[in-house]
Every structure is written in C-alpha cells, then in structure tokens.
C-alpha atoms as a PDB file:
ATOM      1  CA  UNK A   1     -29.427  85.142-155.552  1.00  0.00           C
ATOM      2  CA  UNK A   2     -28.360  82.539-153.151  1.00  0.00           C
ATOM      3  CA  UNK A   3     -30.737  80.731-150.819  1.00  0.00           C
ATOM      4  CA  UNK A   4     -29.143  82.490-147.803  1.00  0.00           C
ATOM      5  CA  UNK A   5     -29.807  85.931-149.271  1.00  0.00           C
ATOM      6  CA  UNK A   6     -33.444  85.048-149.924  1.00  0.00           C
ATOM      7  CA  UNK A   7     -34.090  84.611-146.110  1.00  0.00           C
ATOM      8  CA  UNK A   8     -36.145  87.308-144.403  1.00  0.00           C
ATOM      9  CA  UNK A   9     -34.737  89.223-141.323  1.00  0.00           C
ATOM     10  CA  UNK A  10     -37.021  87.212-139.093  1.00  0.00           C
ATOM     11  CA  UNK A  11     -35.632  84.004-140.527  1.00  0.00           C
ATOM     12  CA  UNK A  12     -32.039  85.165-140.109  1.00  0.00           C
ATOM     13  CA  UNK A  13     -32.324  86.113-136.339  1.00  0.00           C
ATOM     14  CA  UNK A  14     -31.292  83.279-134.001  1.00  0.00           C
ATOM     15  CA  UNK A  15     -33.955  81.854-131.767  1.00  0.00           C
ATOM     16  CA  UNK A  16     -33.785  83.148-128.166  1.00  0.00           C
ATOM     17  CA  UNK A  17     -33.939  80.588-125.420  1.00  0.00           C
ATOM     18  CA  UNK A  18     -36.747  81.255-122.885  1.00  0.00           C
ATOM     19  CA  UNK A  19     -35.398  82.642-119.621  1.00  0.00           C
ATOM     20  CA  UNK A  20     -35.969  80.482-116.576  1.00  0.00           C
ATOM     21  CA  UNK A  21     -37.417  82.206-113.501  1.00  0.00           C
ATOM     22  CA  UNK A  22     -35.052  82.498-110.525  1.00  0.00           C
ATOM     23  CA  UNK A  23     -35.983  80.307-107.633  1.00  0.00           C
ATOM     24  CA  UNK A  24     -37.034  82.223-104.504  1.00  0.00           C
ATOM     25  CA  UNK A  25     -34.664  81.652-101.600  1.00  0.00           C
ATOM     26  CA  UNK A  26     -36.589  80.059 -98.725  1.00  0.00           C
ATOM     27  CA  UNK A  27     -34.869  79.928 -95.341  1.00  0.00           C
ATOM     28  CA  UNK A  28     -35.407  76.867 -93.271  1.00  0.00           C
ATOM     29  CA  UNK A  29     -37.115  77.557 -89.922  1.00  0.00           C
ATOM     30  CA  UNK A  30     -34.681  77.905 -87.044  1.00  0.00           C
ATOM     31  CA  UNK A  31     -34.647  75.026 -84.616  1.00  0.00           C
ATOM     32  CA  UNK A  32     -35.841  75.844 -81.094  1.00  0.00           C
ATOM     33  CA  UNK A  33     -33.281  74.492 -78.675  1.00  0.00           C
ATOM     34  CA  UNK A  34     -33.635  74.183 -74.907  1.00  0.00           C
ATOM     35  CA  UNK A  35     -31.243  77.098 -74.525  1.00  0.00           C
ATOM     36  CA  UNK A  36     -33.284  79.462 -76.718  1.00  0.00           C
ATOM     37  CA  UNK A  37     -36.510  78.328 -75.046  1.00  0.00           C
ATOM     38  CA  UNK A  38     -35.064  79.202 -71.614  1.00  0.00           C
ATOM     39  CA  UNK A  39     -33.968  82.627 -72.862  1.00  0.00           C
ATOM     40  CA  UNK A  40     -37.459  83.322 -74.213  1.00  0.00           C
ATOM     41  CA  UNK A  41     -39.039  82.230 -70.938  1.00  0.00           C
ATOM     42  CA  UNK A  42     -36.718  84.530 -68.970  1.00  0.00           C
ATOM     43  CA  UNK A  43     -37.702  87.485 -71.144  1.00  0.00           C
ATOM     44  CA  UNK A  44     -41.389  86.800 -70.533  1.00  0.00           C
ATOM     45  CA  UNK A  45     -41.028  86.507 -66.730  1.00  0.00           C
ATOM     46  CA  UNK A  46     -41.831  89.760 -64.887  1.00  0.00           C
ATOM     47  CA  UNK A  47     -38.761  91.338 -63.335  1.00  0.00           C
ATOM     48  CA  UNK A  48     -38.745  91.016 -59.543  1.00  0.00           C
ATOM     49  CA  UNK A  49     -38.771  94.425 -57.881  1.00  0.00           C
ATOM     50  CA  UNK A  50     -36.426  94.689 -54.890  1.00  0.00           C
ATOM     51  CA  UNK A  51     -37.284  96.593 -51.717  1.00  0.00           C
ATOM     52  CA  UNK A  52     -37.004 100.344 -52.289  1.00  0.00           C
ATOM     53  CA  UNK A  53     -36.915 103.433 -50.088  1.00  0.00           C
ATOM     54  CA  UNK A  54     -40.439 104.496 -49.084  1.00  0.00           C
ATOM     55  CA  UNK A  55     -41.972 101.029 -49.535  1.00  0.00           C
ATOM     56  CA  UNK A  56     -44.739  99.997 -47.119  1.00  0.00           C
ATOM     57  CA  UNK A  57     -43.798  96.473 -46.039  1.00  0.00           C
ATOM     58  CA  UNK A  58     -44.786  93.768 -43.598  1.00  0.00           C
ATOM     59  CA  UNK A  59     -41.552  92.341 -42.204  1.00  0.00           C
ATOM     60  CA  UNK A  60     -40.752  89.311 -40.062  1.00  0.00           C
ATOM     61  CA  UNK A  61     -37.655  89.955 -37.984  1.00  0.00           C
ATOM     62  CA  UNK A  62     -35.563  88.609 -35.145  1.00  0.00           C
ATOM     63  CA  UNK A  63     -32.652  90.519 -33.597  1.00  0.00           C
ATOM     64  CA  UNK A  64     -29.743  88.879 -31.742  1.00  0.00           C
ATOM     65  CA  UNK A  65     -26.484  89.959 -30.120  1.00  0.00           C
ATOM     66  CA  UNK A  66     -23.752  88.242 -32.149  1.00  0.00           C
ATOM     67  CA  UNK A  67     -21.361  87.717 -29.221  1.00  0.00           C
ATOM     68  CA  UNK A  68     -23.889  86.048 -26.919  1.00  0.00           C
ATOM     69  CA  UNK A  69     -26.670  84.845 -29.246  1.00  0.00           C
ATOM     70  CA  UNK A  70     -29.153  86.646 -26.966  1.00  0.00           C
ATOM     71  CA  UNK A  71     -32.474  87.369 -28.719  1.00  0.00           C
ATOM     72  CA  UNK A  72     -33.687  90.858 -27.800  1.00  0.00           C
ATOM     73  CA  UNK A  73     -36.397  91.452 -30.410  1.00  0.00           C
ATOM     74  CA  UNK A  74     -38.673  89.225 -32.497  1.00  0.00           C
ATOM     75  CA  UNK A  75     -42.017  89.208 -34.299  1.00  0.00           C
ATOM     76  CA  UNK A  76     -42.338  85.455 -33.602  1.00  0.00           C
ATOM     77  CA  UNK A  77     -44.578  84.899 -30.563  1.00  0.00           C
ATOM     78  CA  UNK A  78     -43.362  81.333 -29.886  1.00  0.00           C
ATOM     79  CA  UNK A  79     -39.717  82.388 -30.070  1.00  0.00           C
ATOM     80  CA  UNK A  80     -40.392  85.309 -27.714  1.00  0.00           C
ATOM     81  CA  UNK A  81     -41.814  82.863 -25.155  1.00  0.00           C
ATOM     82  CA  UNK A  82     -38.873  80.477 -25.588  1.00  0.00           C
ATOM     83  CA  UNK A  83     -36.394  83.328 -25.031  1.00  0.00           C
ATOM     84  CA  UNK A  84     -38.335  84.772 -22.052  1.00  0.00           C
ATOM     85  CA  UNK A  85     -38.871  88.142 -23.750  1.00  0.00           C
ATOM     86  CA  UNK A  86     -42.618  87.732 -24.370  1.00  0.00           C
ATOM     87  CA  UNK A  87     -44.781  90.718 -23.457  1.00  0.00           C
ATOM     88  CA  UNK A  88     -48.569  90.908 -23.147  1.00  0.00           C
ATOM     89  CA  UNK A  89     -48.383  94.576 -24.113  1.00  0.00           C
ATOM     90  CA  UNK A  90     -47.392  93.937 -27.713  1.00  0.00           C
ATOM     91  CA  UNK A  91     -48.876  92.197 -30.749  1.00  0.00           C
ATOM     92  CA  UNK A  92     -46.764  89.583 -32.526  1.00  0.00           C
ATOM     93  CA  UNK A  93     -46.627  88.856 -36.243  1.00  0.00           C
ATOM     94  CA  UNK A  94     -45.107  90.690 -39.246  1.00  0.00           C
ATOM     95  CA  UNK A  95     -44.404  94.351 -38.449  1.00  0.00           C
ATOM     96  CA  UNK A  96     -45.202  97.368 -40.603  1.00  0.00           C
ATOM     97  CA  UNK A  97     -42.068  99.113 -41.857  1.00  0.00           C
ATOM     98  CA  UNK A  98     -41.963 102.173 -44.076  1.00  0.00           C
ATOM     99  CA  UNK A  99     -38.449 101.822 -45.487  1.00  0.00           C
ATOM    100  CA  UNK A 100     -36.177 104.724 -44.582  1.00  0.00           C
ATOM    101  CA  UNK A 101     -38.606 106.299 -42.113  1.00  0.00           C
ATOM    102  CA  UNK A 102     -37.166 105.091 -38.809  1.00  0.00           C
ATOM    103  CA  UNK A 103     -39.886 102.658 -37.738  1.00  0.00           C
ATOM    104  CA  UNK A 104     -37.149 100.126 -36.936  1.00  0.00           C
ATOM    105  CA  UNK A 105     -33.569 100.419 -35.676  1.00  0.00           C
ATOM    106  CA  UNK A 106     -31.618 102.881 -37.853  1.00  0.00           C
ATOM    107  CA  UNK A 107     -28.896 100.409 -38.833  1.00  0.00           C
ATOM    108  CA  UNK A 108     -31.543  97.897 -39.961  1.00  0.00           C
ATOM    109  CA  UNK A 109     -33.670 100.507 -41.726  1.00  0.00           C
ATOM    110  CA  UNK A 110     -30.716 101.626 -43.848  1.00  0.00           C
ATOM    111  CA  UNK A 111     -30.004  98.039 -44.957  1.00  0.00           C
ATOM    112  CA  UNK A 112     -33.509  96.995 -46.034  1.00  0.00           C
ATOM    113  CA  UNK A 113     -33.309  98.700 -49.419  1.00  0.00           C
ATOM    114  CA  UNK A 114     -32.329  96.235 -52.136  1.00  0.00           C
ATOM    115  CA  UNK A 115     -33.474  93.088 -50.301  1.00  0.00           C
ATOM    116  CA  UNK A 116     -35.649  90.602 -52.192  1.00  0.00           C
ATOM    117  CA  UNK A 117     -39.273  90.010 -51.248  1.00  0.00           C
ATOM    118  CA  UNK A 118     -40.126  86.718 -49.511  1.00  0.00           C
ATOM    119  CA  UNK A 119     -36.455  85.867 -49.057  1.00  0.00           C
ATOM    120  CA  UNK A 120     -34.764  85.500 -45.659  1.00  0.00           C
ATOM    121  CA  UNK A 121     -31.662  87.622 -45.184  1.00  0.00           C
ATOM    122  CA  UNK A 122     -29.188  88.252 -42.377  1.00  0.00           C
ATOM    123  CA  UNK A 123     -28.282  91.875 -41.729  1.00  0.00           C
ATOM    124  CA  UNK A 124     -25.263  92.581 -39.500  1.00  0.00           C
ATOM    125  CA  UNK A 125     -25.099  95.953 -37.753  1.00  0.00           C
ATOM    126  CA  UNK A 126     -22.078  97.402 -35.896  1.00  0.00           C
ATOM    127  CA  UNK A 127     -22.563  98.947 -32.406  1.00  0.00           C
ATOM    128  CA  UNK A 128     -22.388 102.573 -33.578  1.00  0.00           C
ATOM    129  CA  UNK A 129     -25.381 101.971 -35.881  1.00  0.00           C
ATOM    130  CA  UNK A 130     -27.262  99.852 -33.363  1.00  0.00           C
ATOM    131  CA  UNK A 131     -27.369 100.754 -29.657  1.00  0.00           C
ATOM    132  CA  UNK A 132     -24.227 102.850 -29.543  1.00  0.00           C
ATOM    133  CA  UNK A 133     -20.785 102.366 -28.050  1.00  0.00           C
ATOM    134  CA  UNK A 134     -20.310 101.912 -24.322  1.00  0.00           C
ATOM    135  CA  UNK A 135     -19.448 105.152 -22.523  1.00  0.00           C
ATOM    136  CA  UNK A 136     -17.491 104.818 -19.225  1.00  0.00           C
ATOM    137  CA  UNK A 137     -19.019 108.055 -17.933  1.00  0.00           C
ATOM    138  CA  UNK A 138     -22.427 106.349 -17.958  1.00  0.00           C
ATOM    139  CA  UNK A 139     -21.333 103.972 -15.181  1.00  0.00           C
ATOM    140  CA  UNK A 140     -21.789 105.448 -11.680  1.00  0.00           C
ATOM    141  CA  UNK A 141     -21.484 104.397  -8.039  1.00  0.00           C
ATOM    142  CA  UNK A 142     -24.283 105.544  -5.715  1.00  0.00           C
ATOM    143  CA  UNK A 143     -25.014 104.897  -2.001  1.00  0.00           C
ATOM    144  CA  UNK A 144     -27.113 101.819  -1.288  1.00  0.00           C
ATOM    145  CA  UNK A 145     -29.366 103.890   0.978  1.00  0.00           C
ATOM    146  CA  UNK A 146     -30.378 106.101  -1.978  1.00  0.00           C
ATOM    147  CA  UNK A 147     -32.068 103.138  -3.643  1.00  0.00           C
ATOM    148  CA  UNK A 148     -33.515 101.876  -0.383  1.00  0.00           C
ATOM    149  CA  UNK A 149     -35.118 105.267   0.211  1.00  0.00           C
ATOM    150  CA  UNK A 150     -36.946 104.831  -3.097  1.00  0.00           C
ATOM    151  CA  UNK A 151     -38.176 101.380  -2.123  1.00  0.00           C
ATOM    152  CA  UNK A 152     -35.687  99.560  -4.381  1.00  0.00           C
ATOM    153  CA  UNK A 153     -33.791  96.516  -3.142  1.00  0.00           C
ATOM    154  CA  UNK A 154     -31.070  96.290  -5.816  1.00  0.00           C
ATOM    155  CA  UNK A 155     -30.104  92.933  -7.337  1.00  0.00           C
ATOM    156  CA  UNK A 156     -27.323  92.444  -9.892  1.00  0.00           C
ATOM    157  CA  UNK A 157     -28.783  92.496 -13.419  1.00  0.00           C
ATOM    158  CA  UNK A 158     -31.948  94.317 -12.338  1.00  0.00           C
ATOM    159  CA  UNK A 159     -33.165  97.363 -14.282  1.00  0.00           C
ATOM    160  CA  UNK A 160     -34.026 100.354 -12.095  1.00  0.00           C
ATOM    161  CA  UNK A 161     -35.206 103.864 -12.828  1.00  0.00           C
ATOM    162  CA  UNK A 162     -33.357 106.633 -11.020  1.00  0.00           C
ATOM    163  CA  UNK A 163     -33.994 110.321 -11.625  1.00  0.00           C
ATOM    164  CA  UNK A 164     -35.935 109.583 -14.797  1.00  0.00           C
ATOM    165  CA  UNK A 165     -33.203 107.393 -16.311  1.00  0.00           C
ATOM    166  CA  UNK A 166     -33.068 103.623 -16.658  1.00  0.00           C
ATOM    167  CA  UNK A 167     -29.963 101.800 -15.444  1.00  0.00           C
ATOM    168  CA  UNK A 168     -28.796  98.231 -14.916  1.00  0.00           C
ATOM    169  CA  UNK A 169     -27.416  97.209 -11.516  1.00  0.00           C
ATOM    170  CA  UNK A 170     -23.907  95.863 -12.142  1.00  0.00           C
ATOM    171  CA  UNK A 171     -22.690  95.255  -8.583  1.00  0.00           C
ATOM    172  CA  UNK A 172     -23.854  95.618  -4.972  1.00  0.00           C
ATOM    173  CA  UNK A 173     -21.568  95.736  -1.967  1.00  0.00           C
ATOM    174  CA  UNK A 174     -20.010  97.758   0.898  1.00  0.00           C
ATOM    175  CA  UNK A 175     -22.960 100.106   1.012  1.00  0.00           C
ATOM    176  CA  UNK A 176     -22.531 101.117  -2.634  1.00  0.00           C
ATOM    177  CA  UNK A 177     -24.262 100.115  -5.865  1.00  0.00           C
ATOM    178  CA  UNK A 178     -22.798 100.335  -9.342  1.00  0.00           C
ATOM    179  CA  UNK A 179     -25.346 101.503 -11.921  1.00  0.00           C
ATOM    180  CA  UNK A 180     -24.800 101.281 -15.670  1.00  0.00           C
ATOM    181  CA  UNK A 181     -26.809 103.833 -17.652  1.00  0.00           C
ATOM    182  CA  UNK A 182     -25.569 102.516 -20.998  1.00  0.00           C
ATOM    183  CA  UNK A 183     -28.124 100.615 -23.075  1.00  0.00           C
ATOM    184  CA  UNK A 184     -27.923  96.892 -22.194  1.00  0.00           C
ATOM    185  CA  UNK A 185     -26.836  96.189 -25.782  1.00  0.00           C
ATOM    186  CA  UNK A 186     -24.406  99.100 -26.076  1.00  0.00           C
ATOM    187  CA  UNK A 187     -21.117  98.036 -27.641  1.00  0.00           C
ATOM    188  CA  UNK A 188     -22.617  94.854 -29.089  1.00  0.00           C
ATOM    189  CA  UNK A 189     -22.576  93.782 -32.729  1.00  0.00           C
ATOM    190  CA  UNK A 190     -26.050  92.605 -33.628  1.00  0.00           C
ATOM    191  CA  UNK A 191     -27.622  90.645 -36.459  1.00  0.00           C
ATOM    192  CA  UNK A 192     -31.196  90.705 -37.704  1.00  0.00           C
ATOM    193  CA  UNK A 193     -32.850  87.876 -39.558  1.00  0.00           C
ATOM    194  CA  UNK A 194     -35.403  89.601 -41.794  1.00  0.00           C
ATOM    195  CA  UNK A 195     -37.978  88.620 -44.374  1.00  0.00           C
ATOM    196  CA  UNK A 196     -40.255  91.070 -46.203  1.00  0.00           C
ATOM    197  CA  UNK A 197     -43.504  89.132 -46.617  1.00  0.00           C
ATOM    198  CA  UNK A 198     -45.802  91.735 -48.184  1.00  0.00           C
ATOM    199  CA  UNK A 199     -45.593  95.063 -50.002  1.00  0.00           C
ATOM    200  CA  UNK A 200     -48.534  97.484 -49.910  1.00  0.00           C
ATOM    201  CA  UNK A 201     -49.125  99.384 -53.155  1.00  0.00           C
ATOM    202  CA  UNK A 202     -52.776 100.403 -52.821  1.00  0.00           C
ATOM    203  CA  UNK A 203     -53.587 103.570 -50.819  1.00  0.00           C
ATOM    204  CA  UNK A 204     -56.396 101.889 -48.855  1.00  0.00           C
ATOM    205  CA  UNK A 205     -54.034  99.044 -47.902  1.00  0.00           C
ATOM    206  CA  UNK A 206     -51.416 101.524 -46.702  1.00  0.00           C
ATOM    207  CA  UNK A 207     -53.964 103.426 -44.589  1.00  0.00           C
ATOM    208  CA  UNK A 208     -55.267 100.171 -43.118  1.00  0.00           C
ATOM    209  CA  UNK A 209     -51.707  99.183 -42.232  1.00  0.00           C
ATOM    210  CA  UNK A 210     -51.180 102.539 -40.485  1.00  0.00           C
ATOM    211  CA  UNK A 211     -54.387 101.938 -38.506  1.00  0.00           C
ATOM    212  CA  UNK A 212     -52.923  98.603 -37.394  1.00  0.00           C
ATOM    213  CA  UNK A 213     -49.977 100.410 -35.773  1.00  0.00           C
ATOM    214  CA  UNK A 214     -52.341 102.208 -33.384  1.00  0.00           C
ATOM    215  CA  UNK A 215     -55.240  99.781 -32.949  1.00  0.00           C
ATOM    216  CA  UNK A 216     -53.435  96.622 -31.861  1.00  0.00           C
ATOM    217  CA  UNK A 217     -55.032  93.200 -32.025  1.00  0.00           C
ATOM    218  CA  UNK A 218     -58.083  94.375 -34.012  1.00  0.00           C
ATOM    219  CA  UNK A 219     -59.180  92.815 -37.323  1.00  0.00           C
ATOM    220  CA  UNK A 220     -58.267  95.631 -39.718  1.00  0.00           C
ATOM    221  CA  UNK A 221     -60.889  94.537 -42.245  1.00  0.00           C
ATOM    222  CA  UNK A 222     -63.507  95.843 -39.802  1.00  0.00           C
ATOM    223  CA  UNK A 223     -62.408  99.417 -40.569  1.00  0.00           C
ATOM    224  CA  UNK A 224     -64.150 100.900 -43.615  1.00  0.00           C
ATOM    225  CA  UNK A 225     -62.002 103.372 -45.525  1.00  0.00           C
ATOM    226  CA  UNK A 226     -62.830 105.888 -48.242  1.00  0.00           C
ATOM    227  CA  UNK A 227     -60.136 108.179 -49.631  1.00  0.00           C
ATOM    228  CA  UNK A 228     -60.752 111.173 -51.835  1.00  0.00           C
ATOM    229  CA  UNK A 229     -58.137 113.610 -53.053  1.00  0.00           C
ATOM    230  CA  UNK A 230     -58.092 115.769 -49.903  1.00  0.00           C
ATOM    231  CA  UNK A 231     -59.952 113.679 -47.343  1.00  0.00           C
ATOM    232  CA  UNK A 232     -59.922 110.220 -45.739  1.00  0.00           C
ATOM    233  CA  UNK A 233     -63.052 108.809 -44.084  1.00  0.00           C
ATOM    234  CA  UNK A 234     -62.598 105.987 -41.577  1.00  0.00           C
ATOM    235  CA  UNK A 235     -65.540 104.139 -40.067  1.00  0.00           C
ATOM    236  CA  UNK A 236     -64.704 102.818 -36.599  1.00  0.00           C
ATOM    237  CA  UNK A 237     -66.028  99.285 -35.894  1.00  0.00           C
ATOM    238  CA  UNK A 238     -68.278  98.970 -32.850  1.00  0.00           C
ATOM    239  CA  UNK A 239     -65.894  96.331 -31.415  1.00  0.00           C
ATOM    240  CA  UNK A 240     -63.626  99.161 -30.198  1.00  0.00           C
ATOM    241  CA  UNK A 241     -66.149 101.860 -29.215  1.00  0.00           C
ATOM    242  CA  UNK A 242     -65.220 101.434 -25.559  1.00  0.00           C
ATOM    243  CA  UNK A 243     -61.546 100.569 -26.001  1.00  0.00           C
ATOM    244  CA  UNK A 244     -58.886 102.238 -23.864  1.00  0.00           C
ATOM    245  CA  UNK A 245     -57.107 105.293 -25.253  1.00  0.00           C
ATOM    246  CA  UNK A 246     -59.235 105.213 -28.414  1.00  0.00           C
ATOM    247  CA  UNK A 247     -58.990 108.999 -28.874  1.00  0.00           C
ATOM    248  CA  UNK A 248     -55.195 108.888 -28.625  1.00  0.00           C
ATOM    249  CA  UNK A 249     -55.134 106.080 -31.219  1.00  0.00           C
ATOM    250  CA  UNK A 250     -57.425 108.031 -33.572  1.00  0.00           C
ATOM    251  CA  UNK A 251     -55.203 111.087 -33.267  1.00  0.00           C
ATOM    252  CA  UNK A 252     -52.126 108.967 -33.975  1.00  0.00           C
ATOM    253  CA  UNK A 253     -53.678 107.460 -37.120  1.00  0.00           C
ATOM    254  CA  UNK A 254     -54.648 110.916 -38.376  1.00  0.00           C
ATOM    255  CA  UNK A 255     -51.079 112.204 -37.947  1.00  0.00           C
ATOM    256  CA  UNK A 256     -49.642 109.114 -39.656  1.00  0.00           C
ATOM    257  CA  UNK A 257     -51.994 109.387 -42.643  1.00  0.00           C
ATOM    258  CA  UNK A 258     -51.217 113.083 -43.116  1.00  0.00           C
ATOM    259  CA  UNK A 259     -47.504 112.350 -42.851  1.00  0.00           C
ATOM    260  CA  UNK A 260     -47.478 109.768 -45.647  1.00  0.00           C
ATOM    261  CA  UNK A 261     -50.233 111.289 -47.801  1.00  0.00           C
ATOM    262  CA  UNK A 262     -49.278 114.942 -48.192  1.00  0.00           C
ATOM    263  CA  UNK A 263     -52.375 115.745 -50.274  1.00  0.00           C
ATOM    264  CA  UNK A 264     -54.758 114.735 -47.446  1.00  0.00           C
ATOM    265  CA  UNK A 265     -55.909 117.725 -45.367  1.00  0.00           C
ATOM    266  CA  UNK A 266     -58.685 116.109 -43.338  1.00  0.00           C
ATOM    267  CA  UNK A 267     -59.379 112.823 -41.530  1.00  0.00           C
ATOM    268  CA  UNK A 268     -63.005 112.093 -40.696  1.00  0.00           C
ATOM    269  CA  UNK A 269     -64.044 109.348 -38.275  1.00  0.00           C
ATOM    270  CA  UNK A 270     -67.563 107.939 -38.164  1.00  0.00           C
ATOM    271  CA  UNK A 271     -69.151 105.561 -35.656  1.00  0.00           C
ATOM    272  CA  UNK A 272     -72.243 103.631 -36.683  1.00  0.00           C
ATOM    273  CA  UNK A 273     -74.465 102.061 -34.041  1.00  0.00           C
ATOM    274  CA  UNK A 274     -76.919  99.553 -35.482  1.00  0.00           C
ATOM    275  CA  UNK A 275     -80.089  98.251 -33.860  1.00  0.00           C
ATOM    276  CA  UNK A 276     -79.449  94.909 -32.188  1.00  0.00           C
END
C-alpha cells in the first residue's frame, strides 16, 4: 500500500481558504451647496397668500383720472388737502374693503383679487367699469331764470342740484345755462394706486372693523365684543353715549354683522355707566 493510499479522507481533502467578509458600501455625505441651501430655505418659507374674494382688508388707495392726473379719491389726509378734496365729514386712513362686495368702485373691486399683501399696485379701469360713458342726452339747456328762482347764481364748473339730480354747469350765456348731468368723471379712464395693508381673519377683528364703518373717528378698541354661535354682544363705550345718529349707526352695524355672519340671529348692545 502506497503512502498516498494510507491517507485518511480528512487528509486527502484540500484545505479551504477562509472567506473574507464583503465590505459594506458607505456613501459619502452629499455636499451642501449654496444652491441646495437656497432651495431648502424656499421650501421652509410659508407661502404668501394673495388677496382672495371675501377677504376683509384694510386698503390704502388713491384714485386719479389718467388723462388729467386729477385726484378724486384718496385715503391719505395730507394728499387730500394738497389736492383740495379734503372733507371734514370723512375719516382718513386705510379703508375697510370686503373683496367682491361692492364697498369700493366696481372696476376696482373686481381687480383686487390676486394682489399681494403690503405691495403697492396700479389698477387701471376703463370708463364703462368706472363712472360710465358720457351720454349726450344727459346734457341740457335750461332758462337762466329757472336757476335764479331757486336762489342759484350759476357759475361755470359749479355743481347744482335741480329736481333732485346733481349737474355741473358747463356754460352760461344769452339767458340760458347748459347743465351736464353726467358724472364729472364719466368717459374718463382712471387708475387706482392700492396697497392692502392688513387682512382680518379673526371674527372679533372683522366685527370691530364693521363697527368702524359706522362709528367714525372712535377708538375701536373701546368696543367690547363677545360672539357666540347665534349672538353677538357689543358693549358701547361711554365716549359715544351722546353721539349724533348713534341709533342709526347701531342699526347699521347690526345689519352688517348679520350680512357677513349668516349664523348670527341676534345683536345685543349694552351700555355701562360707571360711578365717577
């Protein structure tokens, strides 16, 4: 028997080499570039919500006739004085607008939707969506004596009221006066400079803003408001107990609140008189 035959099976089997473990694939961290950092920042920034139909806004605005540059409307008190259109009967400052509800000129109202908050914009409006087109039939000649009998001494450019209608005196002569019953801005292209400065989202804020439409020049924080599902309670500050037309203003606020809050059935006013 040869030496090879004398080997045992274990001795005959070739030695197996130990398997080496596969190396785990480790990816290198991605480099953060300026470009990717900007993209991440943009994703984190809250998306700006544009003006939408039904929004309660405070709006600064100034309206001009494009052809003449004449300012006919503004919320800026100083500008109103400069343009000789200031009135003691109105309160200046940002105006409440409920978008799409006709609280401003129709042509402007329809163009507010989609504007950005706190950004000035120019809105051009054609005559038919502003103060209408001029109608020749609205220009009439009347006898001079008719105005004199009503105590009116007509002057060109003067506004007069005849038979319940307002007209502008266009010419005077030969015993006759030409009256123009068209709106003074009829036929004019106009432009509004507008800026939405605040949006009201809270119900109490909206109600307070509606109060401000009727109670002019009063600090609105003096009104205490409590809204339940079907009822709104408004405490009247003693500063206006003896104000003019207070009952008309209260009625107006009640109608406004019920218009914009359809679930509210009742408005309750309270007046508290404290010992002084």
